[in-house]
Amino acid sequence: MRQIDIGEAAAHLSQLVDEAASGDEIVITRAGKPVARLVALEPTRLHLCPGLLKDKMWIADDFDVPLPEDVLATFEGQSNRTKPPPTLPPPPTPPPARSAGRSGFPASRVAQSDGVGGPS
C-alpha cells in the first residue's frame, strides 16, 4: 500500500490510475492524514434470478412456423406485386381566407356598435 500526497496525486493521476488498475492500492493523504483510497474496480456481475419473468412473457406456440411464401418473398425483397402500391390521398384544400375589417378580425366576427357601450 503506497501513500501519496494529494498535490502529487493530482500531478500524476493517470499513472496512479494505471497502478490501481493493475492491483496496487494507493492511499491519498492531505497534510499527512489519509483521506482517500485509490483501488481497482471489480468487474460487475450480472445477477440472474431464475424465474424472474415467469408468467410475464410468453412465446406463441406457432412462433417457429414457416412464414407464408408471399410474406417471406417481401422480407427477401422478392415481392411479386401485380399492382403498384397504394398512394396517399392529396391533402385537404384549406378554406378560403376571409377579408378583415378595421379591427383586423374577419368582418363576420366584428359586432356593430352604436358607440354607447354595447352592440346595437
PDB file of N, CA and C in Angstrom:
ATOM      1  N   MET A   1       0.861  -1.175   0.000  1.00  0.00           N
ATOM      2  CA  MET A   1       0.000   0.000   0.000  1.00  0.00           C
ATOM      3  C   MET A   1       0.905   1.235   0.000  1.00  0.00           C
ATOM      4  N   ARG A   2       0.720   2.028  -1.015  1.00  0.00           N
ATOM      5  CA  ARG A   2       1.555   3.219  -1.195  1.00  0.00           C
ATOM      6  C   ARG A   2       0.768   4.457  -0.771  1.00  0.00           C
ATOM      7  N   GLN A   3       1.420   5.412  -0.087  1.00  0.00           N
ATOM      8  CA  GLN A   3       0.778   6.666   0.298  1.00  0.00           C
ATOM      9  C   GLN A   3       1.372   7.797  -0.528  1.00  0.00           C
ATOM     10  N   ILE A   4       0.495   8.721  -0.929  1.00  0.00           N
ATOM     11  CA  ILE A   4       0.946   9.839  -1.753  1.00  0.00           C
ATOM     12  C   ILE A   4       0.139  11.077  -1.381  1.00  0.00           C
ATOM     13  N   ASP A   5       0.791  12.228  -1.352  1.00  0.00           N
ATOM     14  CA  ASP A   5       0.136  13.492  -1.026  1.00  0.00           C
ATOM     15  C   ASP A   5      -0.822  13.883  -2.157  1.00  0.00           C
ATOM     16  N   ILE A   6      -1.895  14.566  -1.817  1.00  0.00           N
ATOM     17  CA  ILE A   6      -2.935  14.914  -2.790  1.00  0.00           C
ATOM     18  C   ILE A   6      -2.409  15.778  -3.939  1.00  0.00           C
ATOM     19  N   GLY A   7      -1.474  16.677  -3.665  1.00  0.00           N
ATOM     20  CA  GLY A   7      -0.914  17.517  -4.727  1.00  0.00           C
ATOM     21  C   GLY A   7      -0.128  16.694  -5.731  1.00  0.00           C
ATOM     22  N   GLU A   8       0.653  15.760  -5.222  1.00  0.00           N
ATOM     23  CA  GLU A   8       1.423  14.893  -6.110  1.00  0.00           C
ATOM     24  C   GLU A   8       0.486  13.934  -6.857  1.00  0.00           C
ATOM     25  N   ALA A   9      -0.579  13.492  -6.178  1.00  0.00           N
ATOM     26  CA  ALA A   9      -1.545  12.602  -6.815  1.00  0.00           C
ATOM     27  C   ALA A   9      -2.224  13.308  -7.989  1.00  0.00           C
ATOM     28  N   ALA A  10      -2.558  14.586  -7.817  1.00  0.00           N
ATOM     29  CA  ALA A  10      -3.191  15.344  -8.897  1.00  0.00           C
ATOM     30  C   ALA A  10      -2.252  15.453 -10.091  1.00  0.00           C
ATOM     31  N   ALA A  11      -0.965  15.631  -9.840  1.00  0.00           N
ATOM     32  CA  ALA A  11       0.004  15.780 -10.917  1.00  0.00           C
ATOM     33  C   ALA A  11       0.256  14.470 -11.652  1.00  0.00           C
ATOM     34  N   HIS A  12       0.063  13.337 -10.978  1.00  0.00           N
ATOM     35  CA  HIS A  12       0.378  12.035 -11.580  1.00  0.00           C
ATOM     36  C   HIS A  12      -0.841  11.108 -11.593  1.00  0.00           C
ATOM     37  N   LEU A  13      -2.027  11.669 -11.732  1.00  0.00           N
ATOM     38  CA  LEU A  13      -3.260  10.882 -11.613  1.00  0.00           C
ATOM     39  C   LEU A  13      -3.323   9.734 -12.618  1.00  0.00           C
ATOM     40  N   SER A  14      -2.983   9.991 -13.866  1.00  0.00           N
ATOM     41  CA  SER A  14      -3.066   8.949 -14.882  1.00  0.00           C
ATOM     42  C   SER A  14      -2.182   7.754 -14.522  1.00  0.00           C
ATOM     43  N   GLN A  15      -0.992   8.010 -14.080  1.00  0.00           N
ATOM     44  CA  GLN A  15      -0.066   6.943 -13.679  1.00  0.00           C
ATOM     45  C   GLN A  15      -0.615   6.187 -12.474  1.00  0.00           C
ATOM     46  N   LEU A  16      -1.190   6.906 -11.504  1.00  0.00           N
ATOM     47  CA  LEU A  16      -1.746   6.264 -10.312  1.00  0.00           C
ATOM     48  C   LEU A  16      -2.947   5.383 -10.656  1.00  0.00           C
ATOM     49  N   VAL A  17      -3.756   5.850 -11.589  1.00  0.00           N
ATOM     50  CA  VAL A  17      -4.910   5.043 -12.012  1.00  0.00           C
ATOM     51  C   VAL A  17      -4.426   3.746 -12.653  1.00  0.00           C
ATOM     52  N   ASP A  18      -3.391   3.818 -13.474  1.00  0.00           N
ATOM     53  CA  ASP A  18      -2.827   2.603 -14.083  1.00  0.00           C
ATOM     54  C   ASP A  18      -2.317   1.643 -13.008  1.00  0.00           C
ATOM     55  N   GLU A  19      -1.659   2.173 -11.997  1.00  0.00           N
ATOM     56  CA  GLU A  19      -1.153   1.331 -10.906  1.00  0.00           C
ATOM     57  C   GLU A  19      -2.311   0.675 -10.160  1.00  0.00           C
ATOM     58  N   ALA A  20      -3.349   1.450  -9.875  1.00  0.00           N
ATOM     59  CA  ALA A  20      -4.505   0.898  -9.166  1.00  0.00           C
ATOM     60  C   ALA A  20      -5.191  -0.173 -10.015  1.00  0.00           C
ATOM     61  N   ALA A  21      -5.310   0.066 -11.315  1.00  0.00           N
ATOM     62  CA  ALA A  21      -5.954  -0.903 -12.196  1.00  0.00           C
ATOM     63  C   ALA A  21      -5.178  -2.214 -12.241  1.00  0.00           C
ATOM     64  N   SER A  22      -3.870  -2.161 -12.021  1.00  0.00           N
ATOM     65  CA  SER A  22      -3.056  -3.379 -12.038  1.00  0.00           C
ATOM     66  C   SER A  22      -3.071  -4.107 -10.695  1.00  0.00           C
ATOM     67  N   GLY A  23      -3.798  -3.558  -9.717  1.00  0.00           N
ATOM     68  CA  GLY A  23      -3.943  -4.255  -8.445  1.00  0.00           C
ATOM     69  C   GLY A  23      -3.336  -3.565  -7.249  1.00  0.00           C
ATOM     70  N   ASP A  24      -2.558  -2.501  -7.438  1.00  0.00           N
ATOM     71  CA  ASP A  24      -1.968  -1.782  -6.308  1.00  0.00           C
ATOM     72  C   ASP A  24      -3.033  -0.940  -5.615  1.00  0.00           C
ATOM     73  N   GLU A  25      -2.818  -0.689  -4.339  1.00  0.00           N
ATOM     74  CA  GLU A  25      -3.710   0.185  -3.585  1.00  0.00           C
ATOM     75  C   GLU A  25      -2.924   1.428  -3.216  1.00  0.00           C
ATOM     76  N   ILE A  26      -3.484   2.599  -3.534  1.00  0.00           N
ATOM     77  CA  ILE A  26      -2.818   3.869  -3.262  1.00  0.00           C
ATOM     78  C   ILE A  26      -3.687   4.664  -2.288  1.00  0.00           C
ATOM     79  N   VAL A  27      -3.075   5.120  -1.205  1.00  0.00           N
ATOM     80  CA  VAL A  27      -3.787   5.953  -0.233  1.00  0.00           C
ATOM     81  C   VAL A  27      -3.356   7.388  -0.474  1.00  0.00           C
ATOM     82  N   ILE A  28      -4.337   8.256  -0.655  1.00  0.00           N
ATOM     83  CA  ILE A  28      -4.062   9.686  -0.889  1.00  0.00           C
ATOM     84  C   ILE A  28      -4.203  10.405   0.441  1.00  0.00           C
ATOM     85  N   THR A  29      -3.193  11.214   0.738  1.00  0.00           N
ATOM     86  CA  THR A  29      -3.176  11.917   2.025  1.00  0.00           C
ATOM     87  C   THR A  29      -3.239  13.427   1.820  1.00  0.00           C
ATOM     88  N   ARG A  30      -3.717  14.112   2.874  1.00  0.00           N
ATOM     89  CA  ARG A  30      -3.709  15.577   2.910  1.00  0.00           C
ATOM     90  C   ARG A  30      -3.114  15.955   4.257  1.00  0.00           C
ATOM     91  N   ALA A  31      -1.998  16.658   4.216  1.00  0.00           N
ATOM     92  CA  ALA A  31      -1.280  17.045   5.432  1.00  0.00           C
ATOM     93  C   ALA A  31      -0.902  15.808   6.254  1.00  0.00           C
ATOM     94  N   GLY A  32      -0.541  14.728   5.568  1.00  0.00           N
ATOM     95  CA  GLY A  32      -0.104  13.520   6.243  1.00  0.00           C
ATOM     96  C   GLY A  32      -1.206  12.600   6.730  1.00  0.00           C
ATOM     97  N   LYS A  33      -2.483  13.013   6.597  1.00  0.00           N
ATOM     98  CA  LYS A  33      -3.599  12.187   7.065  1.00  0.00           C
ATOM     99  C   LYS A  33      -4.289  11.536   5.865  1.00  0.00           C
ATOM    100  N   PRO A  34      -4.569  10.247   5.914  1.00  0.00           N
ATOM    101  CA  PRO A  34      -5.247   9.565   4.811  1.00  0.00           C
ATOM    102  C   PRO A  34      -6.652  10.131   4.607  1.00  0.00           C
ATOM    103  N   VAL A  35      -6.988  10.443   3.350  1.00  0.00           N
ATOM    104  CA  VAL A  35      -8.316  10.980   3.034  1.00  0.00           C
ATOM    105  C   VAL A  35      -9.043  10.166   1.959  1.00  0.00           C
ATOM    106  N   ALA A  36      -8.311   9.397   1.157  1.00  0.00           N
ATOM    107  CA  ALA A  36      -8.962   8.617   0.101  1.00  0.00           C
ATOM    108  C   ALA A  36      -8.096   7.412  -0.242  1.00  0.00           C
ATOM    109  N   ARG A  37      -8.738   6.422  -0.844  1.00  0.00           N
ATOM    110  CA  ARG A  37      -8.024   5.236  -1.273  1.00  0.00           C
ATOM    111  C   ARG A  37      -8.348   4.993  -2.746  1.00  0.00           C
ATOM    112  N   LEU A  38      -7.326   4.780  -3.561  1.00  0.00           N
ATOM    113  CA  LEU A  38      -7.485   4.523  -4.988  1.00  0.00           C
ATOM    114  C   LEU A  38      -7.233   3.039  -5.220  1.00  0.00           C
ATOM    115  N   VAL A  39      -8.290   2.328  -5.644  1.00  0.00           N
ATOM    116  CA  VAL A  39      -8.197   0.883  -5.873  1.00  0.00           C
ATOM    117  C   VAL A  39      -8.886   0.537  -7.188  1.00  0.00           C
ATOM    118  N   ALA A  40      -8.572  -0.626  -7.719  1.00  0.00           N
ATOM    119  CA  ALA A  40      -9.206  -1.091  -8.957  1.00  0.00           C
ATOM    120  C   ALA A  40     -10.649  -1.491  -8.678  1.00  0.00           C
ATOM    121  N   LEU A  41     -11.507  -1.280  -9.651  1.00  0.00           N
ATOM    122  CA  LEU A  41     -12.891  -1.724  -9.543  1.00  0.00           C
ATOM    123  C   LEU A  41     -12.979  -3.196  -9.903  1.00  0.00           C
ATOM    124  N   GLU A  42     -13.828  -3.897  -9.188  1.00  0.00           N
ATOM    125  CA  GLU A  42     -14.083  -5.283  -9.541  1.00  0.00           C
ATOM    126  C   GLU A  42     -15.117  -5.299 -10.651  1.00  0.00           C
ATOM    127  N   PRO A  43     -14.984  -6.217 -11.589  1.00  0.00           N
ATOM    128  CA  PRO A  43     -15.974  -6.260 -12.665  1.00  0.00           C
ATOM    129  C   PRO A  43     -17.365  -6.518 -12.090  1.00  0.00           C
ATOM    130  N   THR A  44     -18.341  -5.818 -12.615  1.00  0.00           N
ATOM    131  CA  THR A  44     -19.711  -6.012 -12.140  1.00  0.00           C
ATOM    132  C   THR A  44     -20.229  -7.339 -12.653  1.00  0.00           C
ATOM    133  N   ARG A  45     -20.962  -8.014 -11.823  1.00  0.00           N
ATOM    134  CA  ARG A  45     -21.522  -9.299 -12.204  1.00  0.00           C
ATOM    135  C   ARG A  45     -23.010  -9.143 -12.396  1.00  0.00           C
ATOM    136  N   LEU A  46     -23.507  -9.772 -13.428  1.00  0.00           N
ATOM    137  CA  LEU A  46     -24.929  -9.768 -13.701  1.00  0.00           C
ATOM    138  C   LEU A  46     -25.604 -10.753 -12.757  1.00  0.00           C
ATOM    139  N   HIS A  47     -26.511 -10.271 -11.957  1.00  0.00           N
ATOM    140  CA  HIS A  47     -27.209 -11.133 -11.014  1.00  0.00           C
ATOM    141  C   HIS A  47     -28.453 -11.680 -11.689  1.00  0.00           C
ATOM    142  N   LEU A  48     -28.425 -12.949 -11.999  1.00  0.00           N
ATOM    143  CA  LEU A  48     -29.567 -13.592 -12.629  1.00  0.00           C
ATOM    144  C   LEU A  48     -30.458 -14.202 -11.555  1.00  0.00           C
ATOM    145  N   CYS A  49     -31.725 -14.048 -11.743  1.00  0.00           N
ATOM    146  CA  CYS A  49     -32.677 -14.604 -10.803  1.00  0.00           C
ATOM    147  C   CYS A  49     -33.598 -15.527 -11.595  1.00  0.00           C
ATOM    148  N   PRO A  50     -33.405 -16.841 -11.487  1.00  0.00           N
ATOM    149  CA  PRO A  50     -34.245 -17.755 -12.257  1.00  0.00           C
ATOM    150  C   PRO A  50     -35.722 -17.530 -11.958  1.00  0.00           C
ATOM    151  N   GLY A  51     -36.511 -17.486 -13.009  1.00  0.00           N
ATOM    152  CA  GLY A  51     -37.954 -17.330 -12.863  1.00  0.00           C
ATOM    153  C   GLY A  51     -38.417 -15.902 -12.722  1.00  0.00           C
ATOM    154  N   LEU A  52     -37.522 -14.926 -12.901  1.00  0.00           N
ATOM    155  CA  LEU A  52     -37.876 -13.521 -12.707  1.00  0.00           C
ATOM    156  C   LEU A  52     -39.014 -13.087 -13.637  1.00  0.00           C
ATOM    157  N   LEU A  53     -39.029 -13.583 -14.860  1.00  0.00           N
ATOM    158  CA  LEU A  53     -40.055 -13.179 -15.829  1.00  0.00           C
ATOM    159  C   LEU A  53     -41.160 -14.232 -16.007  1.00  0.00           C
ATOM    160  N   LYS A  54     -41.216 -15.200 -15.112  1.00  0.00           N
ATOM    161  CA  LYS A  54     -42.235 -16.236 -15.215  1.00  0.00           C
ATOM    162  C   LYS A  54     -43.624 -15.600 -15.173  1.00  0.00           C
ATOM    163  N   ASP A  55     -44.468 -16.011 -16.086  1.00  0.00           N
ATOM    164  CA  ASP A  55     -45.849 -15.518 -16.228  1.00  0.00           C
ATOM    165  C   ASP A  55     -45.924 -14.062 -16.658  1.00  0.00           C
ATOM    166  N   LYS A  56     -44.797 -13.440 -17.031  1.00  0.00           N
ATOM    167  CA  LYS A  56     -44.814 -12.052 -17.504  1.00  0.00           C
ATOM    168  C   LYS A  56     -44.584 -11.972 -19.006  1.00  0.00           C
ATOM    169  N   MET A  57     -44.094 -13.031 -19.605  1.00  0.00           N
ATOM    170  CA  MET A  57     -43.896 -13.055 -21.043  1.00  0.00           C
ATOM    171  C   MET A  57     -44.111 -14.475 -21.532  1.00  0.00           C
ATOM    172  N   TRP A  58     -44.425 -14.588 -22.796  1.00  0.00           N
ATOM    173  CA  TRP A  58     -44.649 -15.900 -23.377  1.00  0.00           C
ATOM    174  C   TRP A  58     -44.270 -15.883 -24.839  1.00  0.00           C
ATOM    175  N   ILE A  59     -44.088 -17.067 -25.386  1.00  0.00           N
ATOM    176  CA  ILE A  59     -43.800 -17.234 -26.801  1.00  0.00           C
ATOM    177  C   ILE A  59     -44.934 -18.068 -27.381  1.00  0.00           C
ATOM    178  N   ALA A  60     -45.516 -17.590 -28.453  1.00  0.00           N
ATOM    179  CA  ALA A  60     -46.644 -18.280 -29.076  1.00  0.00           C
ATOM    180  C   ALA A  60     -46.229 -19.677 -29.524  1.00  0.00           C
ATOM    181  N   ASP A  61     -47.195 -20.591 -29.498  1.00  0.00           N
ATOM    182  CA  ASP A  61     -46.920 -21.966 -29.911  1.00  0.00           C
ATOM    183  C   ASP A  61     -46.475 -22.055 -31.361  1.00  0.00           C
ATOM    184  N   ASP A  62     -46.987 -21.146 -32.207  1.00  0.00           N
ATOM    185  CA  ASP A  62     -46.649 -21.199 -33.630  1.00  0.00           C
ATOM    186  C   ASP A  62     -45.507 -20.241 -33.997  1.00  0.00           C
ATOM    187  N   PHE A  63     -44.686 -19.877 -33.027  1.00  0.00           N
ATOM    188  CA  PHE A  63     -43.599 -18.930 -33.244  1.00  0.00           C
ATOM    189  C   PHE A  63     -42.665 -19.357 -34.374  1.00  0.00           C
ATOM    190  N   ASP A  64     -42.334 -20.617 -34.442  1.00  0.00           N
ATOM    191  CA  ASP A  64     -41.360 -21.075 -35.424  1.00  0.00           C
ATOM    192  C   ASP A  64     -41.979 -21.705 -36.674  1.00  0.00           C
ATOM    193  N   VAL A  65     -43.270 -21.493 -36.884  1.00  0.00           N
ATOM    194  CA  VAL A  65     -43.912 -21.991 -38.097  1.00  0.00           C
ATOM    195  C   VAL A  65     -43.412 -21.151 -39.276  1.00  0.00           C
ATOM    196  N   PRO A  66     -43.076 -21.795 -40.407  1.00  0.00           N
ATOM    197  CA  PRO A  66     -42.583 -21.032 -41.559  1.00  0.00           C
ATOM    198  C   PRO A  66     -43.589 -19.975 -42.018  1.00  0.00           C
ATOM    199  N   LEU A  67     -43.069 -18.859 -42.503  1.00  0.00           N
ATOM    200  CA  LEU A  67     -43.911 -17.771 -42.993  1.00  0.00           C
ATOM    201  C   LEU A  67     -44.552 -18.160 -44.311  1.00  0.00           C
ATOM    202  N   PRO A  68     -45.721 -17.568 -44.633  1.00  0.00           N
ATOM    203  CA  PRO A  68     -46.307 -17.786 -45.954  1.00  0.00           C
ATOM    204  C   PRO A  68     -45.342 -17.277 -47.032  1.00  0.00           C
ATOM    205  N   GLU A  69     -45.428 -17.883 -48.211  1.00  0.00           N
ATOM    206  CA  GLU A  69     -44.488 -17.568 -49.290  1.00  0.00           C
ATOM    207  C   GLU A  69     -44.488 -16.085 -49.660  1.00  0.00           C
ATOM    208  N   ASP A  70     -45.674 -15.442 -49.721  1.00  0.00           N
ATOM    209  CA  ASP A  70     -45.716 -14.031 -50.120  1.00  0.00           C
ATOM    210  C   ASP A  70     -45.065 -13.126 -49.075  1.00  0.00           C
ATOM    211  N   VAL A  71     -45.243 -13.438 -47.796  1.00  0.00           N
ATOM    212  CA  VAL A  71     -44.625 -12.643 -46.737  1.00  0.00           C
ATOM    213  C   VAL A  71     -43.111 -12.850 -46.765  1.00  0.00           C
ATOM    214  N   LEU A  72     -42.685 -14.089 -46.909  1.00  0.00           N
ATOM    215  CA  LEU A  72     -41.257 -14.387 -46.982  1.00  0.00           C
ATOM    216  C   LEU A  72     -40.606 -13.688 -48.169  1.00  0.00           C
ATOM    217  N   ALA A  73     -41.279 -13.680 -49.318  1.00  0.00           N
ATOM    218  CA  ALA A  73     -40.743 -13.015 -50.507  1.00  0.00           C
ATOM    219  C   ALA A  73     -40.593 -11.517 -50.261  1.00  0.00           C
ATOM    220  N   THR A  74     -41.532 -10.900 -49.548  1.00  0.00           N
ATOM    221  CA  THR A  74     -41.446  -9.479 -49.252  1.00  0.00           C
ATOM    222  C   THR A  74     -40.243  -9.187 -48.362  1.00  0.00           C
ATOM    223  N   PHE A  75     -40.020 -10.016 -47.335  1.00  0.00           N
ATOM    224  CA  PHE A  75     -38.858  -9.839 -46.472  1.00  0.00           C
ATOM    225  C   PHE A  75     -37.556  -9.978 -47.239  1.00  0.00           C
ATOM    226  N   GLU A  76     -37.547 -10.842 -48.226  1.00  0.00           N
ATOM    227  CA  GLU A  76     -36.339 -11.085 -49.002  1.00  0.00           C
ATOM    228  C   GLU A  76     -36.200 -10.151 -50.190  1.00  0.00           C
ATOM    229  N   GLY A  77     -37.107  -9.196 -50.321  1.00  0.00           N
ATOM    230  CA  GLY A  77     -37.027  -8.223 -51.409  1.00  0.00           C
ATOM    231  C   GLY A  77     -37.434  -8.792 -52.747  1.00  0.00           C
ATOM    232  N   GLN A  78     -38.194  -9.864 -52.743  1.00  0.00           N
ATOM    233  CA  GLN A  78     -38.612 -10.506 -53.981  1.00  0.00           C
ATOM    234  C   GLN A  78     -40.121 -10.448 -54.141  1.00  0.00           C
ATOM    235  N   SER A  79     -40.711  -9.354 -53.755  1.00  0.00           N
ATOM    236  CA  SER A  79     -42.161  -9.227 -53.814  1.00  0.00           C
ATOM    237  C   SER A  79     -42.642  -9.301 -55.256  1.00  0.00           C
ATOM    238  N   ASN A  80     -43.700 -10.058 -55.476  1.00  0.00           N
ATOM    239  CA  ASN A  80     -44.287 -10.214 -56.817  1.00  0.00           C
ATOM    240  C   ASN A  80     -45.604  -9.450 -56.890  1.00  0.00           C
ATOM    241  N   ARG A  81     -45.555  -8.163 -56.741  1.00  0.00           N
ATOM    242  CA  ARG A  81     -46.774  -7.362 -56.792  1.00  0.00           C
ATOM    243  C   ARG A  81     -47.250  -7.232 -58.230  1.00  0.00           C
ATOM    244  N   THR A  82     -48.537  -7.377 -58.411  1.00  0.00           N
ATOM    245  CA  THR A  82     -49.101  -7.206 -59.746  1.00  0.00           C
ATOM    246  C   THR A  82     -49.645  -5.804 -59.937  1.00  0.00           C
ATOM    247  N   LYS A  83     -49.866  -5.093 -58.858  1.00  0.00           N
ATOM    248  CA  LYS A  83     -50.341  -3.710 -58.962  1.00  0.00           C
ATOM    249  C   LYS A  83     -49.432  -2.816 -58.134  1.00  0.00           C
ATOM    250  N   PRO A  84     -49.365  -1.539 -58.470  1.00  0.00           N
ATOM    251  CA  PRO A  84     -48.494  -0.637 -57.720  1.00  0.00           C
ATOM    252  C   PRO A  84     -49.007  -0.448 -56.298  1.00  0.00           C
ATOM    253  N   PRO A  85     -48.131  -0.067 -55.376  1.00  0.00           N
ATOM    254  CA  PRO A  85     -48.583   0.147 -54.002  1.00  0.00           C
ATOM    255  C   PRO A  85     -49.568   1.308 -53.940  1.00  0.00           C
ATOM    256  N   PRO A  86     -50.450   1.291 -52.970  1.00  0.00           N
ATOM    257  CA  PRO A  86     -51.437   2.373 -52.869  1.00  0.00           C
ATOM    258  C   PRO A  86     -50.758   3.711 -52.609  1.00  0.00           C
ATOM    259  N   THR A  87     -51.369   4.776 -53.116  1.00  0.00           N
ATOM    260  CA  THR A  87     -50.832   6.113 -52.893  1.00  0.00           C
ATOM    261  C   THR A  87     -51.704   6.841 -51.880  1.00  0.00           C
ATOM    262  N   LEU A  88     -51.132   7.791 -51.225  1.00  0.00           N
ATOM    263  CA  LEU A  88     -51.871   8.573 -50.241  1.00  0.00           C
ATOM    264  C   LEU A  88     -52.759   9.582 -50.949  1.00  0.00           C
ATOM    265  N   PRO A  89     -53.926   9.880 -50.382  1.00  0.00           N
ATOM    266  CA  PRO A  89     -54.777  10.907 -50.982  1.00  0.00           C
ATOM    267  C   PRO A  89     -54.119  12.277 -50.824  1.00  0.00           C
ATOM    268  N   PRO A  90     -54.470  13.228 -51.714  1.00  0.00           N
ATOM    269  CA  PRO A  90     -53.883  14.565 -51.582  1.00  0.00           C
ATOM    270  C   PRO A  90     -54.365  15.231 -50.293  1.00  0.00           C
ATOM    271  N   PRO A  91     -53.579  16.156 -49.737  1.00  0.00           N
ATOM    272  CA  PRO A  91     -54.008  16.833 -48.508  1.00  0.00           C
ATOM    273  C   PRO A  91     -55.231  17.697 -48.780  1.00  0.00           C
ATOM    274  N   PRO A  92     -56.055  17.921 -47.751  1.00  0.00           N
ATOM    275  CA  PRO A  92     -57.261  18.743 -47.952  1.00  0.00           C
ATOM    276  C   PRO A  92     -56.895  20.180 -48.314  1.00  0.00           C
ATOM    277  N   THR A  93     -57.771  20.788 -49.087  1.00  0.00           N
ATOM    278  CA  THR A  93     -57.574  22.182 -49.500  1.00  0.00           C
ATOM    279  C   THR A  93     -57.978  23.090 -48.348  1.00  0.00           C
ATOM    280  N   PRO A  94     -57.161  24.088 -47.995  1.00  0.00           N
ATOM    281  CA  PRO A  94     -57.525  24.987 -46.894  1.00  0.00           C
ATOM    282  C   PRO A  94     -58.714  25.858 -47.294  1.00  0.00           C
ATOM    283  N   PRO A  95     -59.507  26.292 -46.308  1.00  0.00           N
ATOM    284  CA  PRO A  95     -60.656  27.144 -46.623  1.00  0.00           C
ATOM    285  C   PRO A  95     -60.183  28.498 -47.151  1.00  0.00           C
ATOM    286  N   PRO A  96     -61.033  29.161 -47.953  1.00  0.00           N
ATOM    287  CA  PRO A  96     -60.634  30.471 -48.477  1.00  0.00           C
ATOM    288  C   PRO A  96     -60.498  31.489 -47.346  1.00  0.00           C
ATOM    289  N   ALA A  97     -59.578  32.429 -47.508  1.00  0.00           N
ATOM    290  CA  ALA A  97     -59.340  33.462 -46.499  1.00  0.00           C
ATOM    291  C   ALA A  97     -60.479  34.466 -46.513  1.00  0.00           C
ATOM    292  N   ARG A  98     -60.855  34.949 -45.316  1.00  0.00           N
ATOM    293  CA  ARG A  98     -61.896  35.967 -45.208  1.00  0.00           C
ATOM    294  C   ARG A  98     -61.250  37.337 -45.194  1.00  0.00           C
ATOM    295  N   SER A  99     -61.987  38.327 -45.647  1.00  0.00           N
ATOM    296  CA  SER A  99     -61.440  39.680 -45.603  1.00  0.00           C
ATOM    297  C   SER A  99     -61.565  40.224 -44.185  1.00  0.00           C
ATOM    298  N   ALA A 100     -60.610  40.999 -43.763  1.00  0.00           N
ATOM    299  CA  ALA A 100     -60.584  41.541 -42.412  1.00  0.00           C
ATOM    300  C   ALA A 100     -61.211  42.922 -42.385  1.00  0.00           C
ATOM    301  N   GLY A 101     -61.908  43.249 -41.270  1.00  0.00           N
ATOM    302  CA  GLY A 101     -62.487  44.575 -41.070  1.00  0.00           C
ATOM    303  C   GLY A 101     -61.433  45.523 -40.520  1.00  0.00           C
ATOM    304  N   ARG A 102     -61.887  46.675 -40.007  1.00  0.00           N
ATOM    305  CA  ARG A 102     -60.957  47.658 -39.470  1.00  0.00           C
ATOM    306  C   ARG A 102     -60.161  47.132 -38.291  1.00  0.00           C
ATOM    307  N   SER A 103     -60.761  46.261 -37.495  1.00  0.00           N
ATOM    308  CA  SER A 103     -60.092  45.775 -36.293  1.00  0.00           C
ATOM    309  C   SER A 103     -59.074  44.680 -36.592  1.00  0.00           C
ATOM    310  N   GLY A 104     -59.050  44.174 -37.788  1.00  0.00           N
ATOM    311  CA  GLY A 104     -58.144  43.084 -38.124  1.00  0.00           C
ATOM    312  C   GLY A 104     -58.808  41.731 -37.999  1.00  0.00           C
ATOM    313  N   PHE A 105     -60.018  41.693 -37.411  1.00  0.00           N
ATOM    314  CA  PHE A 105     -60.761  40.443 -37.305  1.00  0.00           C
ATOM    315  C   PHE A 105     -61.646  40.307 -38.529  1.00  0.00           C
ATOM    316  N   PRO A 106     -62.027  39.089 -38.881  1.00  0.00           N
ATOM    317  CA  PRO A 106     -62.943  38.932 -40.008  1.00  0.00           C
ATOM    318  C   PRO A 106     -64.221  39.738 -39.772  1.00  0.00           C
ATOM    319  N   ALA A 107     -64.779  40.307 -40.836  1.00  0.00           N
ATOM    320  CA  ALA A 107     -65.939  41.192 -40.730  1.00  0.00           C
ATOM    321  C   ALA A 107     -67.119  40.492 -40.080  1.00  0.00           C
ATOM    322  N   SER A 108     -67.269  39.206 -40.271  1.00  0.00           N
ATOM    323  CA  SER A 108     -68.408  38.497 -39.695  1.00  0.00           C
ATOM    324  C   SER A 108     -68.298  38.375 -38.182  1.00  0.00           C
ATOM    325  N   ARG A 109     -67.118  38.581 -37.620  1.00  0.00           N
ATOM    326  CA  ARG A 109     -66.916  38.456 -36.179  1.00  0.00           C
ATOM    327  C   ARG A 109     -66.985  39.796 -35.457  1.00  0.00           C
ATOM    328  N   VAL A 110     -66.964  40.918 -36.166  1.00  0.00           N
ATOM    329  CA  VAL A 110     -66.955  42.229 -35.526  1.00  0.00           C
ATOM    330  C   VAL A 110     -68.396  42.651 -35.259  1.00  0.00           C
ATOM    331  N   ALA A 111     -68.706  42.904 -33.979  1.00  0.00           N
ATOM    332  CA  ALA A 111     -70.064  43.331 -33.616  1.00  0.00           C
ATOM    333  C   ALA A 111     -70.231  44.804 -33.972  1.00  0.00           C
ATOM    334  N   GLN A 112     -71.386  45.122 -34.506  1.00  0.00           N
ATOM    335  CA  GLN A 112     -71.669  46.514 -34.848  1.00  0.00           C
ATOM    336  C   GLN A 112     -72.098  47.235 -33.568  1.00  0.00           C
ATOM    337  N   SER A 113     -71.543  48.410 -33.324  1.00  0.00           N
ATOM    338  CA  SER A 113     -71.816  49.142 -32.108  1.00  0.00           C
ATOM    339  C   SER A 113     -72.369  50.499 -32.447  1.00  0.00           C
ATOM    340  N   ASP A 114     -73.263  51.002 -31.574  1.00  0.00           N
ATOM    341  CA  ASP A 114     -73.799  52.349 -31.766  1.00  0.00           C
ATOM    342  C   ASP A 114     -72.945  53.376 -31.061  1.00  0.00           C
ATOM    343  N   GLY A 115     -71.825  52.955 -30.451  1.00  0.00           N
ATOM    344  CA  GLY A 115     -70.902  53.863 -29.810  1.00  0.00           C
ATOM    345  C   GLY A 115     -71.228  54.143 -28.372  1.00  0.00           C
ATOM    346  N   VAL A 116     -72.338  53.616 -27.833  1.00  0.00           N
ATOM    347  CA  VAL A 116     -72.746  53.910 -26.471  1.00  0.00           C
ATOM    348  C   VAL A 116     -72.161  52.888 -25.499  1.00  0.00           C
ATOM    349  N   GLY A 117     -71.887  51.740 -25.892  1.00  0.00           N
ATOM    350  CA  GLY A 117     -71.300  50.791 -24.956  1.00  0.00           C
ATOM    351  C   GLY A 117     -71.609  49.357 -25.284  1.00  0.00           C
ATOM    352  N   GLY A 118     -72.565  49.095 -26.039  1.00  0.00           N
ATOM    353  CA  GLY A 118     -72.884  47.703 -26.338  1.00  0.00           C
ATOM    354  C   GLY A 118     -73.266  47.541 -27.780  1.00  0.00           C
ATOM    355  N   PRO A 119     -73.359  46.314 -28.239  1.00  0.00           N
ATOM    356  CA  PRO A 119     -73.757  46.093 -29.625  1.00  0.00           C
ATOM    357  C   PRO A 119     -75.206  46.547 -29.827  1.00  0.00           C
ATOM    358  N   SER A 120     -75.512  47.022 -31.021  1.00  0.00           N
ATOM    359  CA  SER A 120     -76.861  47.502 -31.284  1.00  0.00           C
ATOM    360  C   SER A 120     -77.746  46.395 -31.774  1.00  0.00           C
TER     361      SER A 120
END
